[in-house]
């Protein structure tokens, strides 16, 4: 019996297979050397970007340009608040003029959503002609996106001139 137990011990004490580490070969990176002309061109482009940024920051500090920028923001707010077509057109012309003045000094003013929004009267007219349409359908018919009609449509609903049914993208609009 002693022999059997000893053989069992020997089997259990045998070393397991040695572990070998497998190396995964990483592909060698290939670097392309830029020529001196390429490095000079890249540095000149960076210098030009820095000069443009410095000029833009300098014009932002000019009090005249700051007031013109505030006037453009006020015009945008007025365009959001009015539903009169003639007033919107006059405000858009004033905004265009002030934007041109700023661009002469190198300041670019982005065209905001409010200045490209849809005329609320056109929205109301369309909803009266085609009741039950969704916002996406109305926007595509008026040649704009759904985001641009969101603000004017919300004001028309709050004023009670348009009724809604449904939620979110499935919301349908009817004239009150």
Protein backbone atom coordinates (compact mmCIF):
# COMPACT_ATOMS: atom_id res chain seq x y z
CA UNK A 1 0.00 0.00 0.00
CA UNK A 2 2.81 2.31 0.70
CA UNK A 3 3.97 2.01 -2.85
CA UNK A 4 0.68 3.11 -4.26
CA UNK A 5 0.40 6.23 -2.18
CA UNK A 6 3.96 7.12 -3.03
CA UNK A 7 3.30 6.87 -6.75
CA UNK A 8 0.29 9.07 -6.36
CA UNK A 9 2.42 11.66 -4.64
CA UNK A 10 5.00 11.54 -7.36
CA UNK A 11 2.40 12.08 -10.04
CA UNK A 12 0.91 15.01 -8.24
CA UNK A 13 4.33 16.54 -7.67
CA UNK A 14 5.36 16.43 -11.31
CA UNK A 15 5.91 19.85 -12.71
CA UNK A 16 3.35 21.04 -15.16
CA UNK A 17 4.25 22.01 -18.68
CA UNK A 18 6.53 25.01 -18.73
CA UNK A 19 4.78 28.20 -19.79
CA UNK A 20 6.19 29.87 -22.80
CA UNK A 21 5.60 33.51 -23.52
CA UNK A 22 4.42 34.23 -26.99
CA UNK A 23 5.55 37.53 -28.32
CA UNK A 24 3.27 39.37 -30.60
CA UNK A 25 5.31 41.20 -33.08
CA UNK A 26 4.35 44.82 -33.44
CA UNK A 27 4.71 46.18 -36.90
CA UNK A 28 7.54 48.62 -37.24
CA UNK A 29 6.34 52.20 -37.62
CA UNK A 30 7.30 53.90 -40.77
CA UNK A 31 8.07 57.54 -40.46
CA UNK A 32 8.36 59.75 -43.45
CA UNK A 33 10.79 62.57 -43.12
CA UNK A 34 9.46 65.89 -44.17
CA UNK A 35 11.63 67.96 -46.36
CA UNK A 36 12.83 71.34 -45.21
CA UNK A 37 10.38 73.02 -47.58
CA UNK A 38 7.49 71.10 -46.06
CA UNK A 39 8.53 71.98 -42.53
CA UNK A 40 8.89 75.64 -43.50
CA UNK A 41 5.46 75.63 -45.15
CA UNK A 42 3.88 74.07 -42.03
CA UNK A 43 5.52 76.63 -39.76
CA UNK A 44 4.44 79.51 -42.00
CA UNK A 45 0.85 78.23 -41.90
CA UNK A 46 1.00 78.11 -38.09
CA UNK A 47 2.41 81.63 -37.99
CA UNK A 48 -0.44 82.85 -40.21
CA UNK A 49 -3.01 81.20 -37.93
CA UNK A 50 -1.47 82.86 -34.89
CA UNK A 51 -1.43 86.27 -36.60
CA UNK A 52 -5.09 85.88 -37.56
CA UNK A 53 -6.03 84.91 -34.00
CA UNK A 54 -4.11 87.88 -32.55
CA UNK A 55 -5.80 90.28 -34.99
CA UNK A 56 -9.22 88.85 -34.12
CA UNK A 57 -8.57 89.25 -30.39
CA UNK A 58 -7.34 92.82 -30.90
CA UNK A 59 -10.52 93.76 -32.76
CA UNK A 60 -12.63 92.25 -29.98
CA UNK A 61 -11.05 94.71 -27.55
CA UNK A 62 -12.02 97.72 -29.69
CA UNK A 63 -15.02 99.41 -27.98
CA UNK A 64 -16.61 100.39 -31.29
CA UNK A 65 -16.62 96.83 -32.53
CA UNK A 66 -17.97 95.55 -29.23
CA UNK A 67 -20.95 97.93 -29.50
CA UNK A 68 -21.60 96.87 -33.09
CA UNK A 69 -21.55 93.22 -31.98
CA UNK A 70 -24.05 94.01 -29.22
CA UNK A 71 -26.25 95.79 -31.76
CA UNK A 72 -26.27 92.67 -33.95
CA UNK A 73 -27.32 90.56 -30.95
CA UNK A 74 -30.11 93.06 -30.19
CA UNK A 75 -31.29 92.88 -33.80
CA UNK A 76 -31.36 89.08 -33.56
CA UNK A 77 -33.49 89.31 -30.41
CA UNK A 78 -35.86 91.77 -32.12
CA UNK A 79 -36.20 89.45 -35.11
CA UNK A 80 -37.16 86.63 -32.76
CA UNK A 81 -39.78 88.78 -31.05
CA UNK A 82 -41.54 90.21 -34.10
CA UNK A 83 -43.93 88.50 -36.47
CA UNK A 84 -44.32 91.45 -38.85
CA UNK A 85 -42.79 90.62 -42.23
CA UNK A 86 -41.78 94.20 -43.10
CA UNK A 87 -40.09 94.69 -39.73
CA UNK A 88 -38.21 91.42 -40.10
CA UNK A 89 -36.97 92.45 -43.53
CA UNK A 90 -35.78 95.85 -42.23
CA UNK A 91 -34.02 94.22 -39.27
CA UNK A 92 -32.36 91.70 -41.59
CA UNK A 93 -31.06 94.51 -43.80
CA UNK A 94 -29.69 96.35 -40.75
CA UNK A 95 -28.02 93.18 -39.55
CA UNK A 96 -26.45 92.62 -42.97
CA UNK A 97 -25.04 96.17 -42.96
CA UNK A 98 -23.55 95.83 -39.47
CA UNK A 99 -22.11 92.42 -40.32
CA UNK A 100 -20.42 93.95 -43.38
CA UNK A 101 -18.89 96.67 -41.18
CA UNK A 102 -17.48 94.06 -38.82
CA UNK A 103 -16.11 91.97 -41.67
CA UNK A 104 -14.13 94.99 -42.91
CA UNK A 105 -12.23 94.86 -39.61
CA UNK A 106 -11.69 91.12 -39.90
CA UNK A 107 -14.39 90.01 -37.47
CA UNK A 108 -16.63 87.26 -38.79
CA UNK A 109 -20.16 87.14 -37.40
CA UNK A 110 -21.86 83.77 -37.84
CA UNK A 111 -25.35 83.68 -39.24
CA UNK A 112 -27.54 82.68 -36.32
CA UNK A 113 -30.62 80.51 -36.44
CA UNK A 114 -32.78 83.39 -35.32
CA UNK A 115 -31.85 85.49 -38.34
CA UNK A 116 -32.69 82.66 -40.72
CA UNK A 117 -35.89 81.62 -38.97
CA UNK A 118 -39.18 81.25 -40.75
CA UNK A 119 -41.80 83.97 -40.82
CA UNK A 120 -44.54 83.04 -38.32
CA UNK A 121 -47.21 84.30 -40.74
CA UNK A 122 -45.94 81.86 -43.38
CA UNK A 123 -46.11 79.06 -40.83
CA UNK A 124 -49.67 79.94 -39.87
CA UNK A 125 -50.69 80.21 -43.52
CA UNK A 126 -49.23 76.78 -44.28
CA UNK A 127 -50.85 75.13 -41.25
CA UNK A 128 -54.25 76.59 -42.28
CA UNK A 129 -53.84 75.21 -45.81
CA UNK A 130 -52.48 71.80 -44.75
CA UNK A 131 -53.77 70.88 -41.28
CA UNK A 132 -52.42 67.84 -39.45
CA UNK A 133 -48.87 68.08 -40.79
CA UNK A 134 -45.83 67.25 -38.65
CA UNK A 135 -43.03 69.74 -38.05
CA UNK A 136 -40.62 67.99 -40.42
CA UNK A 137 -43.20 68.05 -43.21
CA UNK A 138 -43.91 71.74 -42.65
CA UNK A 139 -40.20 72.58 -42.59
CA UNK A 140 -39.47 70.73 -45.82
CA UNK A 141 -42.44 72.39 -47.52
CA UNK A 142 -41.15 75.82 -46.45
CA UNK A 143 -37.60 74.99 -47.52
CA UNK A 144 -35.95 74.99 -44.10
CA UNK A 145 -35.14 72.55 -41.33
CA UNK A 146 -37.29 71.52 -38.38
CA UNK A 147 -35.01 73.30 -35.92
CA UNK A 148 -35.58 76.68 -37.63
CA UNK A 149 -39.36 76.51 -37.27
CA UNK A 150 -39.30 75.35 -33.65
CA UNK A 151 -39.21 78.83 -32.05
CA UNK A 152 -41.84 80.56 -34.20
CA UNK A 153 -44.11 77.49 -33.98
CA UNK A 154 -43.80 77.46 -30.18
CA UNK A 155 -44.81 81.13 -30.00
CA UNK A 156 -47.82 80.49 -32.26
CA UNK A 157 -48.92 77.59 -30.02
CA UNK A 158 -48.51 79.74 -26.89
CA UNK A 159 -50.53 82.53 -28.52
CA UNK A 160 -53.33 80.05 -29.21
CA UNK A 161 -53.36 80.45 -33.00
CA UNK A 162 -52.21 76.86 -33.56
CA UNK A 163 -53.31 73.68 -31.77
CA UNK A 164 -51.17 70.56 -31.43
CA UNK A 165 -51.79 66.85 -31.11
CA UNK A 166 -49.14 64.26 -30.22
CA UNK A 167 -45.65 64.54 -28.82
CA UNK A 168 -42.13 65.19 -30.07
CA UNK A 169 -41.56 64.23 -33.69
CA UNK A 170 -45.09 62.92 -34.02
CA UNK A 171 -46.66 66.26 -33.08
CA UNK A 172 -49.23 67.47 -35.60
CA UNK A 173 -50.37 71.07 -36.04
CA UNK A 174 -53.83 72.54 -36.75
CA UNK A 175 -55.02 76.14 -36.96
CA UNK A 176 -57.13 77.15 -33.95
